[in-house]
């Protein structure tokens, strides 16, 4: 294998690794956002876990972020929870940073 082939292989492996970490972080973020939203909606225990799991399932779609925002916003509106779309997106950003830190720490 030539040096070029080795470098190419190395870049491909790094790309796969980075994409896997991104996927894991976004899935964890969705779970954290789901638990945050469930608390605001008055859900606890298994009901809160199920709500969070439903948001994690949204991660497999092409427009996952938008689906999560839309779902949480719709559920907040239906329950009379006063949270703007901006606040939901800001919380998603905060939870993504937390998720990345947790993954980096091996949690």
C-alpha atoms as a PDB file:
ATOM      1  CA  UNK A   1       0.000   0.000   0.000  1.00  0.00           C
ATOM      2  CA  UNK A   2       1.447   3.342  -1.013  1.00  0.00           C
ATOM      3  CA  UNK A   3       1.760   6.334   1.281  1.00  0.00           C
ATOM      4  CA  UNK A   4      -1.075   8.017  -0.593  1.00  0.00           C
ATOM      5  CA  UNK A   5      -3.324   4.973  -0.077  1.00  0.00           C
ATOM      6  CA  UNK A   6      -2.439   4.884   3.604  1.00  0.00           C
ATOM      7  CA  UNK A   7      -3.277   8.574   4.008  1.00  0.00           C
ATOM      8  CA  UNK A   8      -6.531   8.110   2.127  1.00  0.00           C
ATOM      9  CA  UNK A   9      -7.441   5.144   4.332  1.00  0.00           C
ATOM     10  CA  UNK A  10      -6.577   7.158   7.423  1.00  0.00           C
ATOM     11  CA  UNK A  11      -8.773  10.084   6.316  1.00  0.00           C
ATOM     12  CA  UNK A  12     -11.666   7.731   5.548  1.00  0.00           C
ATOM     13  CA  UNK A  13     -11.411   6.096   8.982  1.00  0.00           C
ATOM     14  CA  UNK A  14     -11.274   9.492  10.662  1.00  0.00           C
ATOM     15  CA  UNK A  15     -14.350  10.626   8.727  1.00  0.00           C
ATOM     16  CA  UNK A  16     -16.292   7.522   9.756  1.00  0.00           C
ATOM     17  CA  UNK A  17     -15.232   8.019  13.363  1.00  0.00           C
ATOM     18  CA  UNK A  18     -16.233  11.705  13.344  1.00  0.00           C
ATOM     19  CA  UNK A  19     -19.632  10.926  11.806  1.00  0.00           C
ATOM     20  CA  UNK A  20     -20.261   8.220  14.406  1.00  0.00           C
ATOM     21  CA  UNK A  21     -19.428  10.645  17.212  1.00  0.00           C
ATOM     22  CA  UNK A  22     -21.691  13.280  15.647  1.00  0.00           C
ATOM     23  CA  UNK A  23     -24.560  10.783  15.429  1.00  0.00           C
ATOM     24  CA  UNK A  24     -24.065   9.655  19.040  1.00  0.00           C
ATOM     25  CA  UNK A  25     -23.878  13.252  20.293  1.00  0.00           C
ATOM     26  CA  UNK A  26     -27.042  14.268  18.438  1.00  0.00           C
ATOM     27  CA  UNK A  27     -28.921  11.205  19.685  1.00  0.00           C
ATOM     28  CA  UNK A  28     -27.818  11.938  23.254  1.00  0.00           C
ATOM     29  CA  UNK A  29     -28.758  15.597  22.787  1.00  0.00           C
ATOM     30  CA  UNK A  30     -32.237  14.569  21.663  1.00  0.00           C
ATOM     31  CA  UNK A  31     -32.613  12.399  24.748  1.00  0.00           C
ATOM     32  CA  UNK A  32     -31.530  15.265  27.007  1.00  0.00           C
ATOM     33  CA  UNK A  33     -33.890  17.663  25.216  1.00  0.00           C
ATOM     34  CA  UNK A  34     -36.650  15.081  25.528  1.00  0.00           C
ATOM     35  CA  UNK A  35     -36.114  14.761  29.268  1.00  0.00           C
ATOM     36  CA  UNK A  36     -36.032  18.562  29.621  1.00  0.00           C
ATOM     37  CA  UNK A  37     -39.249  18.908  27.607  1.00  0.00           C
ATOM     38  CA  UNK A  38     -40.904  16.042  29.486  1.00  0.00           C
ATOM     39  CA  UNK A  39     -40.194  17.811  32.769  1.00  0.00           C
ATOM     40  CA  UNK A  40     -41.777  21.018  31.424  1.00  0.00           C
ATOM     41  CA  UNK A  41     -44.780  18.964  30.289  1.00  0.00           C
ATOM     42  CA  UNK A  42     -45.172  17.382  33.726  1.00  0.00           C
ATOM     43  CA  UNK A  43     -44.132  13.908  32.601  1.00  0.00           C
ATOM     44  CA  UNK A  44     -42.125  11.722  34.960  1.00  0.00           C
ATOM     45  CA  UNK A  45     -40.661   8.230  35.106  1.00  0.00           C
ATOM     46  CA  UNK A  46     -41.451   5.897  32.249  1.00  0.00           C
ATOM     47  CA  UNK A  47     -43.605   8.485  30.511  1.00  0.00           C
ATOM     48  CA  UNK A  48     -40.677  10.958  30.440  1.00  0.00           C
ATOM     49  CA  UNK A  49     -38.303   8.244  29.196  1.00  0.00           C
ATOM     50  CA  UNK A  50     -40.741   7.283  26.429  1.00  0.00           C
ATOM     51  CA  UNK A  51     -41.054  10.920  25.351  1.00  0.00           C
ATOM     52  CA  UNK A  52     -37.258  11.256  25.220  1.00  0.00           C
ATOM     53  CA  UNK A  53     -36.945   7.984  23.296  1.00  0.00           C
ATOM     54  CA  UNK A  54     -39.411   9.262  20.694  1.00  0.00           C
ATOM     55  CA  UNK A  55     -37.197  12.301  20.095  1.00  0.00           C
ATOM     56  CA  UNK A  56     -34.127  10.079  19.802  1.00  0.00           C
ATOM     57  CA  UNK A  57     -35.961   8.094  17.120  1.00  0.00           C
ATOM     58  CA  UNK A  58     -36.317  11.311  15.107  1.00  0.00           C
ATOM     59  CA  UNK A  59     -32.529  11.285  14.666  1.00  0.00           C
ATOM     60  CA  UNK A  60     -32.735   8.762  11.837  1.00  0.00           C
ATOM     61  CA  UNK A  61     -34.626  11.163   9.603  1.00  0.00           C
ATOM     62  CA  UNK A  62     -32.942  13.592   7.229  1.00  0.00           C
ATOM     63  CA  UNK A  63     -34.350  16.682   8.929  1.00  0.00           C
ATOM     64  CA  UNK A  64     -33.928  15.469  12.509  1.00  0.00           C
ATOM     65  CA  UNK A  65     -33.278  18.854  14.140  1.00  0.00           C
ATOM     66  CA  UNK A  66     -36.363  20.411  12.593  1.00  0.00           C
ATOM     67  CA  UNK A  67     -38.524  17.436  13.552  1.00  0.00           C
ATOM     68  CA  UNK A  68     -37.351  17.629  17.174  1.00  0.00           C
ATOM     69  CA  UNK A  69     -38.032  21.381  17.355  1.00  0.00           C
ATOM     70  CA  UNK A  70     -41.445  20.989  15.716  1.00  0.00           C
ATOM     71  CA  UNK A  71     -42.455  18.122  18.007  1.00  0.00           C
ATOM     72  CA  UNK A  72     -41.400  19.870  21.199  1.00  0.00           C
ATOM     73  CA  UNK A  73     -42.955  23.176  20.119  1.00  0.00           C
ATOM     74  CA  UNK A  74     -46.257  21.493  19.201  1.00  0.00           C
ATOM     75  CA  UNK A  75     -46.344  19.588  22.493  1.00  0.00           C
ATOM     76  CA  UNK A  76     -45.522  22.732  24.482  1.00  0.00           C
ATOM     77  CA  UNK A  77     -48.266  24.681  22.716  1.00  0.00           C
ATOM     78  CA  UNK A  78     -50.795  21.905  23.341  1.00  0.00           C
ATOM     79  CA  UNK A  79     -49.879  21.810  27.040  1.00  0.00           C
ATOM     80  CA  UNK A  80     -49.753  25.584  27.443  1.00  0.00           C
ATOM     81  CA  UNK A  81     -46.007  25.638  28.201  1.00  0.00           C
ATOM     82  CA  UNK A  82     -44.551  29.057  27.438  1.00  0.00           C
ATOM     83  CA  UNK A  83     -41.304  28.346  25.536  1.00  0.00           C
ATOM     84  CA  UNK A  84     -40.414  30.010  22.256  1.00  0.00           C
ATOM     85  CA  UNK A  85     -38.838  28.226  19.317  1.00  0.00           C
ATOM     86  CA  UNK A  86     -35.690  30.226  20.021  1.00  0.00           C
ATOM     87  CA  UNK A  87     -35.605  28.912  23.596  1.00  0.00           C
ATOM     88  CA  UNK A  88     -36.063  25.350  22.363  1.00  0.00           C
ATOM     89  CA  UNK A  89     -33.229  25.736  19.844  1.00  0.00           C
ATOM     90  CA  UNK A  90     -30.981  27.337  22.472  1.00  0.00           C
ATOM     91  CA  UNK A  91     -31.661  24.424  24.815  1.00  0.00           C
ATOM     92  CA  UNK A  92     -30.833  22.024  21.983  1.00  0.00           C
ATOM     93  CA  UNK A  93     -27.479  23.771  21.503  1.00  0.00           C
ATOM     94  CA  UNK A  94     -26.765  23.602  25.238  1.00  0.00           C
ATOM     95  CA  UNK A  95     -27.705  19.925  25.356  1.00  0.00           C
ATOM     96  CA  UNK A  96     -25.510  19.174  22.324  1.00  0.00           C
ATOM     97  CA  UNK A  97     -22.533  20.712  24.109  1.00  0.00           C
ATOM     98  CA  UNK A  98     -23.371  18.661  27.210  1.00  0.00           C
ATOM     99  CA  UNK A  99     -23.770  15.485  25.139  1.00  0.00           C
ATOM    100  CA  UNK A 100     -20.401  16.016  23.440  1.00  0.00           C
ATOM    101  CA  UNK A 101     -18.732  16.560  26.812  1.00  0.00           C
ATOM    102  CA  UNK A 102     -20.326  13.397  28.197  1.00  0.00           C
ATOM    103  CA  UNK A 103     -19.192  11.350  25.206  1.00  0.00           C
ATOM    104  CA  UNK A 104     -15.697  12.799  25.400  1.00  0.00           C
ATOM    105  CA  UNK A 105     -15.579  11.918  29.114  1.00  0.00           C
ATOM    106  CA  UNK A 106     -16.653   8.380  28.284  1.00  0.00           C
ATOM    107  CA  UNK A 107     -20.061   8.597  29.911  1.00  0.00           C
END
